């Protein structure tokens, strides 16, 4: 059974979901697997029937049949109906992901080679910071290797988060499996989606676009906290990252 927030050893399924969109993605994936299983079993039955009924021993004189109108119509129409059955919930899910409801906060994620940067607008404090992977030698007990970062993205539980994703250099992809998020980060383009986490916790993800030799080392960590803890984090982050930004500007000026 897969865990929530990070992969599990011998995981055989999707991660546990902590958002409505994530659950819809998981349900669609599960439904699609059942559909593919039924189709595969049906094709297997047909193959076995053909092997048994139409082998050389049972049919020493082969049939001269070249056309069967009903069969030809069926194997054209049935796949079309199957594709329509897949397309309707698929497009519904895409619409759910891309049509953003009234939101509570906005967070902008920018992919760099090879780390992520996060920016909170002025109504949330007007600060930004970089998030780099923590080296394996510096990990604390319980922190997953290659998934732990020094500065986490923090959002409040139960609030609609408008997530903006872009890139500063090459193609990246922002992916958080347990929240049903996967959005391409494209230089010069701002992509948007949304989510609402319904439980507190730490959720890990990674860049999912092969972006260079540092691709495996740009993890994503999001911490979902209560409204009170989020307000306290904002107050602390304003001071912490404002000083960092000021130092960066001073270094650039010199």
C-alpha atoms as a PDB file:
ATOM      1  CA  UNK A   1       0.000   0.000   0.000  1.00  0.00           C
ATOM      2  CA  UNK A   2       1.346   3.415  -0.955  1.00  0.00           C
ATOM      3  CA  UNK A   3       1.949   6.060   1.687  1.00  0.00           C
ATOM      4  CA  UNK A   4       0.805   9.682   1.653  1.00  0.00           C
ATOM      5  CA  UNK A   5       3.279  12.449   0.961  1.00  0.00           C
ATOM      6  CA  UNK A   6       6.170  10.311  -0.212  1.00  0.00           C
ATOM      7  CA  UNK A   7       6.792   6.973  -1.989  1.00  0.00           C
ATOM      8  CA  UNK A   8       6.860   3.729  -0.006  1.00  0.00           C
ATOM      9  CA  UNK A   9       9.115   0.675  -0.388  1.00  0.00           C
ATOM     10  CA  UNK A  10       7.579  -1.829  -2.811  1.00  0.00           C
ATOM     11  CA  UNK A  11       4.822   0.618  -3.628  1.00  0.00           C
ATOM     12  CA  UNK A  12       2.288  -0.887  -6.059  1.00  0.00           C
ATOM     13  CA  UNK A  13      -0.204   1.943  -6.389  1.00  0.00           C
ATOM     14  CA  UNK A  14      -0.491   5.710  -6.445  1.00  0.00           C
ATOM     15  CA  UNK A  15       0.322   7.634  -3.274  1.00  0.00           C
ATOM     16  CA  UNK A  16      -2.445   8.408  -0.818  1.00  0.00           C
ATOM     17  CA  UNK A  17      -4.245  11.598  -1.849  1.00  0.00           C
ATOM     18  CA  UNK A  18      -4.745  14.673   0.328  1.00  0.00           C
ATOM     19  CA  UNK A  19      -6.832  16.825  -2.010  1.00  0.00           C
ATOM     20  CA  UNK A  20     -10.060  16.567  -3.974  1.00  0.00           C
ATOM     21  CA  UNK A  21      -8.235  16.828  -7.291  1.00  0.00           C
ATOM     22  CA  UNK A  22      -5.797  14.134  -6.200  1.00  0.00           C
ATOM     23  CA  UNK A  23      -8.617  11.747  -5.337  1.00  0.00           C
ATOM     24  CA  UNK A  24     -10.290  12.415  -8.683  1.00  0.00           C
ATOM     25  CA  UNK A  25      -6.997  11.651 -10.451  1.00  0.00           C
ATOM     26  CA  UNK A  26      -6.605   8.417  -8.471  1.00  0.00           C
ATOM     27  CA  UNK A  27     -10.212   7.357  -9.132  1.00  0.00           C
ATOM     28  CA  UNK A  28      -9.835   7.990 -12.870  1.00  0.00           C
ATOM     29  CA  UNK A  29      -6.560   6.069 -12.921  1.00  0.00           C
ATOM     30  CA  UNK A  30      -8.147   3.126 -11.090  1.00  0.00           C
ATOM     31  CA  UNK A  31     -11.180   3.102 -13.398  1.00  0.00           C
ATOM     32  CA  UNK A  32      -8.904   3.193 -16.436  1.00  0.00           C
ATOM     33  CA  UNK A  33      -6.889   0.239 -15.125  1.00  0.00           C
ATOM     34  CA  UNK A  34     -10.073  -1.826 -14.724  1.00  0.00           C
ATOM     35  CA  UNK A  35     -11.166  -0.882 -18.243  1.00  0.00           C
ATOM     36  CA  UNK A  36      -7.798  -1.891 -19.699  1.00  0.00           C
ATOM     37  CA  UNK A  37      -7.922  -5.153 -17.730  1.00  0.00           C
ATOM     38  CA  UNK A  38     -11.377  -6.009 -19.130  1.00  0.00           C
ATOM     39  CA  UNK A  39     -10.257  -5.201 -22.678  1.00  0.00           C
ATOM     40  CA  UNK A  40      -7.090  -7.273 -22.280  1.00  0.00           C
ATOM     41  CA  UNK A  41      -9.057 -10.272 -20.946  1.00  0.00           C
ATOM     42  CA  UNK A  42     -11.555  -9.975 -23.800  1.00  0.00           C
ATOM     43  CA  UNK A  43      -8.755  -9.937 -26.372  1.00  0.00           C
ATOM     44  CA  UNK A  44      -7.144 -12.931 -24.634  1.00  0.00           C
ATOM     45  CA  UNK A  45     -10.431 -14.870 -24.837  1.00  0.00           C
ATOM     46  CA  UNK A  46     -10.717 -14.055 -28.539  1.00  0.00           C
ATOM     47  CA  UNK A  47      -7.168 -15.225 -29.182  1.00  0.00           C
ATOM     48  CA  UNK A  48      -7.722 -18.495 -27.332  1.00  0.00           C
ATOM     49  CA  UNK A  49     -10.995 -19.064 -29.220  1.00  0.00           C
ATOM     50  CA  UNK A  50      -9.279 -18.483 -32.555  1.00  0.00           C
ATOM     51  CA  UNK A  51      -6.398 -20.803 -31.644  1.00  0.00           C
ATOM     52  CA  UNK A  52      -8.768 -23.578 -30.540  1.00  0.00           C
ATOM     53  CA  UNK A  53     -11.434 -23.321 -33.221  1.00  0.00           C
ATOM     54  CA  UNK A  54      -9.428 -22.353 -36.274  1.00  0.00           C
ATOM     55  CA  UNK A  55      -6.193 -24.302 -35.995  1.00  0.00           C
ATOM     56  CA  UNK A  56      -4.954 -26.483 -38.851  1.00  0.00           C
ATOM     57  CA  UNK A  57      -6.066 -29.767 -37.269  1.00  0.00           C
ATOM     58  CA  UNK A  58      -9.702 -28.684 -36.961  1.00  0.00           C
ATOM     59  CA  UNK A  59      -9.762 -26.850 -40.271  1.00  0.00           C
ATOM     60  CA  UNK A  60      -7.705 -28.766 -42.841  1.00  0.00           C
ATOM     61  CA  UNK A  61      -9.477 -26.826 -45.583  1.00  0.00           C
ATOM     62  CA  UNK A  62      -9.205 -23.112 -44.776  1.00  0.00           C
ATOM     63  CA  UNK A  63     -12.176 -20.824 -45.192  1.00  0.00           C
ATOM     64  CA  UNK A  64     -12.270 -18.507 -48.198  1.00  0.00           C
ATOM     65  CA  UNK A  65     -14.114 -15.784 -46.308  1.00  0.00           C
ATOM     66  CA  UNK A  66     -12.561 -12.363 -46.962  1.00  0.00           C
ATOM     67  CA  UNK A  67     -15.127  -9.941 -45.534  1.00  0.00           C
ATOM     68  CA  UNK A  68     -17.640  -9.767 -42.719  1.00  0.00           C
ATOM     69  CA  UNK A  69     -19.424  -6.426 -42.734  1.00  0.00           C
ATOM     70  CA  UNK A  70     -20.891  -6.773 -39.236  1.00  0.00           C
ATOM     71  CA  UNK A  71     -17.504  -7.680 -37.740  1.00  0.00           C
ATOM     72  CA  UNK A  72     -15.704  -4.850 -39.534  1.00  0.00           C
ATOM     73  CA  UNK A  73     -18.258  -2.306 -38.345  1.00  0.00           C
ATOM     74  CA  UNK A  74     -18.025  -3.669 -34.798  1.00  0.00           C
ATOM     75  CA  UNK A  75     -14.249  -3.468 -34.538  1.00  0.00           C
ATOM     76  CA  UNK A  76     -14.402   0.132 -35.758  1.00  0.00           C
ATOM     77  CA  UNK A  77     -17.330   1.367 -33.672  1.00  0.00           C
ATOM     78  CA  UNK A  78     -16.466  -0.363 -30.380  1.00  0.00           C
ATOM     79  CA  UNK A  79     -12.943   1.185 -30.071  1.00  0.00           C
ATOM     80  CA  UNK A  80     -14.443   4.599 -30.869  1.00  0.00           C
ATOM     81  CA  UNK A  81     -16.998   4.159 -28.082  1.00  0.00           C
ATOM     82  CA  UNK A  82     -14.230   3.093 -25.700  1.00  0.00           C
ATOM     83  CA  UNK A  83     -12.187   6.194 -26.544  1.00  0.00           C
ATOM     84  CA  UNK A  84     -15.238   8.402 -25.991  1.00  0.00           C
ATOM     85  CA  UNK A  85     -15.818   6.738 -22.624  1.00  0.00           C
ATOM     86  CA  UNK A  86     -12.210   7.570 -21.696  1.00  0.00           C
ATOM     87  CA  UNK A  87     -12.257  11.092 -23.143  1.00  0.00           C
ATOM     88  CA  UNK A  88     -15.328  12.391 -21.302  1.00  0.00           C
ATOM     89  CA  UNK A  89     -14.036  11.910 -17.711  1.00  0.00           C
ATOM     90  CA  UNK A  90     -10.527  12.821 -18.867  1.00  0.00           C
ATOM     91  CA  UNK A  91     -11.587  16.222 -20.211  1.00  0.00           C
ATOM     92  CA  UNK A  92     -13.787  16.753 -17.157  1.00  0.00           C
ATOM     93  CA  UNK A  93     -10.754  16.174 -14.934  1.00  0.00           C
ATOM     94  CA  UNK A  94      -8.574  18.510 -17.015  1.00  0.00           C
ATOM     95  CA  UNK A  95     -11.216  21.202 -16.734  1.00  0.00           C
ATOM     96  CA  UNK A  96     -11.376  20.727 -12.968  1.00  0.00           C
ATOM     97  CA  UNK A  97      -7.612  21.185 -12.734  1.00  0.00           C
ATOM     98  CA  UNK A  98      -7.349  24.230 -14.996  1.00  0.00           C
ATOM     99  CA  UNK A  99     -10.481  26.232 -14.151  1.00  0.00           C
ATOM    100  CA  UNK A 100      -9.394  27.921 -10.942  1.00  0.00           C
ATOM    101  CA  UNK A 101     -12.108  28.680  -8.348  1.00  0.00           C
ATOM    102  CA  UNK A 102     -11.967  31.766  -6.109  1.00  0.00           C
ATOM    103  CA  UNK A 103      -8.648  31.363  -4.337  1.00  0.00           C
ATOM    104  CA  UNK A 104      -7.304  32.281  -0.927  1.00  0.00           C
ATOM    105  CA  UNK A 105      -3.573  32.511  -1.645  1.00  0.00           C
ATOM    106  CA  UNK A 106      -1.213  32.511  -4.611  1.00  0.00           C
ATOM    107  CA  UNK A 107       2.199  30.858  -4.734  1.00  0.00           C
ATOM    108  CA  UNK A 108       4.535  31.100  -7.719  1.00  0.00           C
ATOM    109  CA  UNK A 109       7.036  28.272  -8.255  1.00  0.00           C
ATOM    110  CA  UNK A 110       9.983  28.829 -10.589  1.00  0.00           C
ATOM    111  CA  UNK A 111      12.218  26.030 -11.791  1.00  0.00           C
ATOM    112  CA  UNK A 112      15.955  26.681 -12.030  1.00  0.00           C
ATOM    113  CA  UNK A 113      18.871  24.449 -12.968  1.00  0.00           C
ATOM    114  CA  UNK A 114      18.644  22.717 -10.522  1.00  0.00           C
ATOM    115  CA  UNK A 115      16.425  23.876  -7.678  1.00  0.00           C
ATOM    116  CA  UNK A 116      13.059  25.534  -7.098  1.00  0.00           C
ATOM    117  CA  UNK A 117      12.245  29.084  -6.077  1.00  0.00           C
ATOM    118  CA  UNK A 118       8.972  30.179  -4.448  1.00  0.00           C
ATOM    119  CA  UNK A 119       7.382  33.613  -4.389  1.00  0.00           C
ATOM    120  CA  UNK A 120       4.521  34.811  -2.197  1.00  0.00           C
ATOM    121  CA  UNK A 121       2.695  37.993  -3.328  1.00  0.00           C
ATOM    122  CA  UNK A 122       2.421  41.217  -1.332  1.00  0.00           C
ATOM    123  CA  UNK A 123      -0.834  40.252   0.392  1.00  0.00           C
ATOM    124  CA  UNK A 124       1.007  37.233   1.832  1.00  0.00           C
ATOM    125  CA  UNK A 125       4.138  39.138   2.776  1.00  0.00           C
ATOM    126  CA  UNK A 126       5.805  39.857  -0.568  1.00  0.00           C
ATOM    127  CA  UNK A 127       8.863  37.620  -0.240  1.00  0.00           C
ATOM    128  CA  UNK A 128      10.574  34.869  -2.189  1.00  0.00           C
ATOM    129  CA  UNK A 129      13.143  32.195  -1.437  1.00  0.00           C
ATOM    130  CA  UNK A 130      15.063  29.321  -2.979  1.00  0.00           C
ATOM    131  CA  UNK A 131      14.606  25.679  -2.057  1.00  0.00           C
ATOM    132  CA  UNK A 132      17.562  23.321  -2.440  1.00  0.00           C
ATOM    133  CA  UNK A 133      17.953  19.632  -1.726  1.00  0.00           C
ATOM    134  CA  UNK A 134      19.533  18.689   1.597  1.00  0.00           C
ATOM    135  CA  UNK A 135      22.641  16.565   1.173  1.00  0.00           C
ATOM    136  CA  UNK A 136      22.385  12.973   2.383  1.00  0.00           C
ATOM    137  CA  UNK A 137      25.065  13.623   5.040  1.00  0.00           C
ATOM    138  CA  UNK A 138      22.968  16.400   6.573  1.00  0.00           C
ATOM    139  CA  UNK A 139      19.651  14.554   6.812  1.00  0.00           C
ATOM    140  CA  UNK A 140      17.929  14.229  10.176  1.00  0.00           C
ATOM    141  CA  UNK A 141      16.206  10.994  11.283  1.00  0.00           C
ATOM    142  CA  UNK A 142      12.996  10.457   9.336  1.00  0.00           C
ATOM    143  CA  UNK A 143      13.873  12.792   6.480  1.00  0.00           C
ATOM    144  CA  UNK A 144      13.727  11.024   3.099  1.00  0.00           C
ATOM    145  CA  UNK A 145      16.838  10.992   0.930  1.00  0.00           C
ATOM    146  CA  UNK A 146      16.713  13.061  -2.289  1.00  0.00           C
ATOM    147  CA  UNK A 147      13.334  14.518  -1.248  1.00  0.00           C
ATOM    148  CA  UNK A 148      14.211  16.787   1.686  1.00  0.00           C
ATOM    149  CA  UNK A 149      14.826  20.509   1.122  1.00  0.00           C
ATOM    150  CA  UNK A 150      16.257  23.328   3.202  1.00  0.00           C
ATOM    151  CA  UNK A 151      13.323  25.732   2.684  1.00  0.00           C
ATOM    152  CA  UNK A 152       9.849  24.244   2.337  1.00  0.00           C
ATOM    153  CA  UNK A 153       6.871  25.719   0.544  1.00  0.00           C
ATOM    154  CA  UNK A 154       4.184  26.259   3.198  1.00  0.00           C
ATOM    155  CA  UNK A 155       0.416  26.572   2.672  1.00  0.00           C
ATOM    156  CA  UNK A 156      -2.603  26.497   5.011  1.00  0.00           C
ATOM    157  CA  UNK A 157      -4.908  23.499   5.199  1.00  0.00           C
ATOM    158  CA  UNK A 158      -8.399  23.786   3.718  1.00  0.00           C
ATOM    159  CA  UNK A 159      -7.566  26.866   1.624  1.00  0.00           C
ATOM    160  CA  UNK A 160      -7.638  27.147  -2.174  1.00  0.00           C
ATOM    161  CA  UNK A 161      -4.079  27.692  -3.392  1.00  0.00           C
ATOM    162  CA  UNK A 162      -3.553  29.151  -6.849  1.00  0.00           C
ATOM    163  CA  UNK A 163      -0.294  27.635  -8.039  1.00  0.00           C
ATOM    164  CA  UNK A 164       1.651  29.447 -10.752  1.00  0.00           C
ATOM    165  CA  UNK A 165       4.533  27.579 -12.365  1.00  0.00           C
ATOM    166  CA  UNK A 166       7.266  28.797 -14.719  1.00  0.00           C
ATOM    167  CA  UNK A 167      10.970  28.238 -15.425  1.00  0.00           C
ATOM    168  CA  UNK A 168      13.973  30.519 -15.638  1.00  0.00           C
ATOM    169  CA  UNK A 169      16.177  28.497 -17.980  1.00  0.00           C
ATOM    170  CA  UNK A 170      15.086  25.098 -19.357  1.00  0.00           C
ATOM    171  CA  UNK A 171      11.956  22.950 -19.183  1.00  0.00           C
ATOM    172  CA  UNK A 172      11.054  21.631 -15.737  1.00  0.00           C
ATOM    173  CA  UNK A 173       7.895  20.052 -14.324  1.00  0.00           C
ATOM    174  CA  UNK A 174       6.345  20.673 -10.906  1.00  0.00           C
ATOM    175  CA  UNK A 175       4.955  17.387  -9.547  1.00  0.00           C
ATOM    176  CA  UNK A 176       3.404  16.656  -6.137  1.00  0.00           C
ATOM    177  CA  UNK A 177       1.749  13.218  -6.414  1.00  0.00           C
ATOM    178  CA  UNK A 178      -0.247  13.253  -3.154  1.00  0.00           C
ATOM    179  CA  UNK A 179      -1.938  16.510  -4.127  1.00  0.00           C
ATOM    180  CA  UNK A 180      -2.620  15.488  -7.729  1.00  0.00           C
ATOM    181  CA  UNK A 181      -0.279  18.143  -9.103  1.00  0.00           C
ATOM    182  CA  UNK A 182       1.871  17.934 -12.220  1.00  0.00           C
ATOM    183  CA  UNK A 183       2.411  21.071 -14.267  1.00  0.00           C
ATOM    184  CA  UNK A 184       5.098  21.896 -16.819  1.00  0.00           C
ATOM    185  CA  UNK A 185       7.446  24.782 -16.039  1.00  0.00           C
ATOM    186  CA  UNK A 186       8.231  26.532 -19.333  1.00  0.00           C
ATOM    187  CA  UNK A 187      10.563  29.546 -19.737  1.00  0.00           C
ATOM    188  CA  UNK A 188       8.607  32.646 -20.719  1.00  0.00           C
ATOM    189  CA  UNK A 189       5.233  31.066 -19.926  1.00  0.00           C
ATOM    190  CA  UNK A 190       3.154  31.075 -16.751  1.00  0.00           C
ATOM    191  CA  UNK A 191       1.068  27.930 -16.232  1.00  0.00           C
ATOM    192  CA  UNK A 192      -1.562  27.801 -13.501  1.00  0.00           C
ATOM    193  CA  UNK A 193      -3.524  25.225 -11.556  1.00  0.00           C
ATOM    194  CA  UNK A 194      -4.972  24.946  -8.066  1.00  0.00           C
ATOM    195  CA  UNK A 195      -5.423  22.609  -5.134  1.00  0.00           C
ATOM    196  CA  UNK A 196      -6.915  22.527  -1.650  1.00  0.00           C
ATOM    197  CA  UNK A 197      -5.108  20.286   0.813  1.00  0.00           C
ATOM    198  CA  UNK A 198      -7.555  18.753   3.279  1.00  0.00           C
ATOM    199  CA  UNK A 199      -5.071  17.400   5.810  1.00  0.00           C
ATOM    200  CA  UNK A 200      -1.941  18.720   7.444  1.00  0.00           C
ATOM    201  CA  UNK A 201       1.390  17.084   6.712  1.00  0.00           C
ATOM    202  CA  UNK A 202       4.532  17.136   4.620  1.00  0.00           C
ATOM    203  CA  UNK A 203       4.212  16.256   0.936  1.00  0.00           C
ATOM    204  CA  UNK A 204       7.157  15.492  -1.299  1.00  0.00           C
ATOM    205  CA  UNK A 205       7.567  15.656  -5.051  1.00  0.00           C
ATOM    206  CA  UNK A 206      10.228  16.151  -7.694  1.00  0.00           C
ATOM    207  CA  UNK A 207      10.876  17.750 -11.036  1.00  0.00           C
ATOM    208  CA  UNK A 208       9.309  15.391 -13.589  1.00  0.00           C
ATOM    209  CA  UNK A 209      10.943  16.737 -16.750  1.00  0.00           C
ATOM    210  CA  UNK A 210      14.396  15.539 -17.789  1.00  0.00           C
ATOM    211  CA  UNK A 211      16.083  18.927 -17.445  1.00  0.00           C
ATOM    212  CA  UNK A 212      19.798  18.132 -17.256  1.00  0.00           C
ATOM    213  CA  UNK A 213      22.368  16.409 -15.075  1.00  0.00           C
ATOM    214  CA  UNK A 214      20.905  17.953 -11.900  1.00  0.00           C
ATOM    215  CA  UNK A 215      17.384  16.710 -12.635  1.00  0.00           C
ATOM    216  CA  UNK A 216      17.351  14.063  -9.848  1.00  0.00           C
ATOM    217  CA  UNK A 217      18.402  16.648  -7.284  1.00  0.00           C
ATOM    218  CA  UNK A 218      15.623  19.266  -7.387  1.00  0.00           C
ATOM    219  CA  UNK A 219      12.937  17.900  -5.038  1.00  0.00           C
ATOM    220  CA  UNK A 220       9.759  19.667  -3.975  1.00  0.00           C
ATOM    221  CA  UNK A 221       8.598  19.737  -0.359  1.00  0.00           C
ATOM    222  CA  UNK A 222       5.326  21.312   0.675  1.00  0.00           C
ATOM    223  CA  UNK A 223       4.260  21.598   4.306  1.00  0.00           C
ATOM    224  CA  UNK A 224       0.524  21.972   4.952  1.00  0.00           C
ATOM    225  CA  UNK A 225      -0.207  23.561   8.319  1.00  0.00           C
ATOM    226  CA  UNK A 226      -3.110  25.063  10.264  1.00  0.00           C
ATOM    227  CA  UNK A 227      -4.165  28.666   9.673  1.00  0.00           C
ATOM    228  CA  UNK A 228      -2.571  29.723  12.960  1.00  0.00           C
ATOM    229  CA  UNK A 229       0.727  28.039  12.122  1.00  0.00           C
ATOM    230  CA  UNK A 230       0.622  29.501   8.630  1.00  0.00           C
ATOM    231  CA  UNK A 231       0.169  33.018  10.013  1.00  0.00           C
ATOM    232  CA  UNK A 232       3.113  32.442  12.357  1.00  0.00           C
ATOM    233  CA  UNK A 233       5.228  31.103   9.478  1.00  0.00           C
ATOM    234  CA  UNK A 234       4.371  34.132   7.335  1.00  0.00           C
ATOM    235  CA  UNK A 235       5.475  36.474  10.089  1.00  0.00           C
ATOM    236  CA  UNK A 236       8.772  34.625  10.468  1.00  0.00           C
ATOM    237  CA  UNK A 237       9.318  34.226   6.721  1.00  0.00           C
ATOM    238  CA  UNK A 238       8.849  37.950   6.069  1.00  0.00           C
ATOM    239  CA  UNK A 239      11.822  38.652   8.305  1.00  0.00           C
ATOM    240  CA  UNK A 240      13.943  35.703   7.235  1.00  0.00           C
ATOM    241  CA  UNK A 241      13.589  36.014   3.482  1.00  0.00           C
ATOM    242  CA  UNK A 242      13.405  39.794   3.363  1.00  0.00           C
ATOM    243  CA  UNK A 243      16.932  39.923   4.804  1.00  0.00           C
ATOM    244  CA  UNK A 244      18.047  37.265   2.336  1.00  0.00           C
ATOM    245  CA  UNK A 245      16.647  39.251  -0.590  1.00  0.00           C
ATOM    246  CA  UNK A 246      18.295  42.438   0.642  1.00  0.00           C
ATOM    247  CA  UNK A 247      21.662  40.697   0.880  1.00  0.00           C
ATOM    248  CA  UNK A 248      21.260  39.340  -2.642  1.00  0.00           C
ATOM    249  CA  UNK A 249      20.496  42.810  -4.020  1.00  0.00           C
ATOM    250  CA  UNK A 250      23.534  44.242  -2.226  1.00  0.00           C
ATOM    251  CA  UNK A 251      25.757  41.504  -3.686  1.00  0.00           C
ATOM    252  CA  UNK A 252      24.435  42.200  -7.197  1.00  0.00           C
ATOM    253  CA  UNK A 253      25.089  45.921  -6.783  1.00  0.00           C
ATOM    254  CA  UNK A 254      28.689  45.275  -5.807  1.00  0.00           C
END
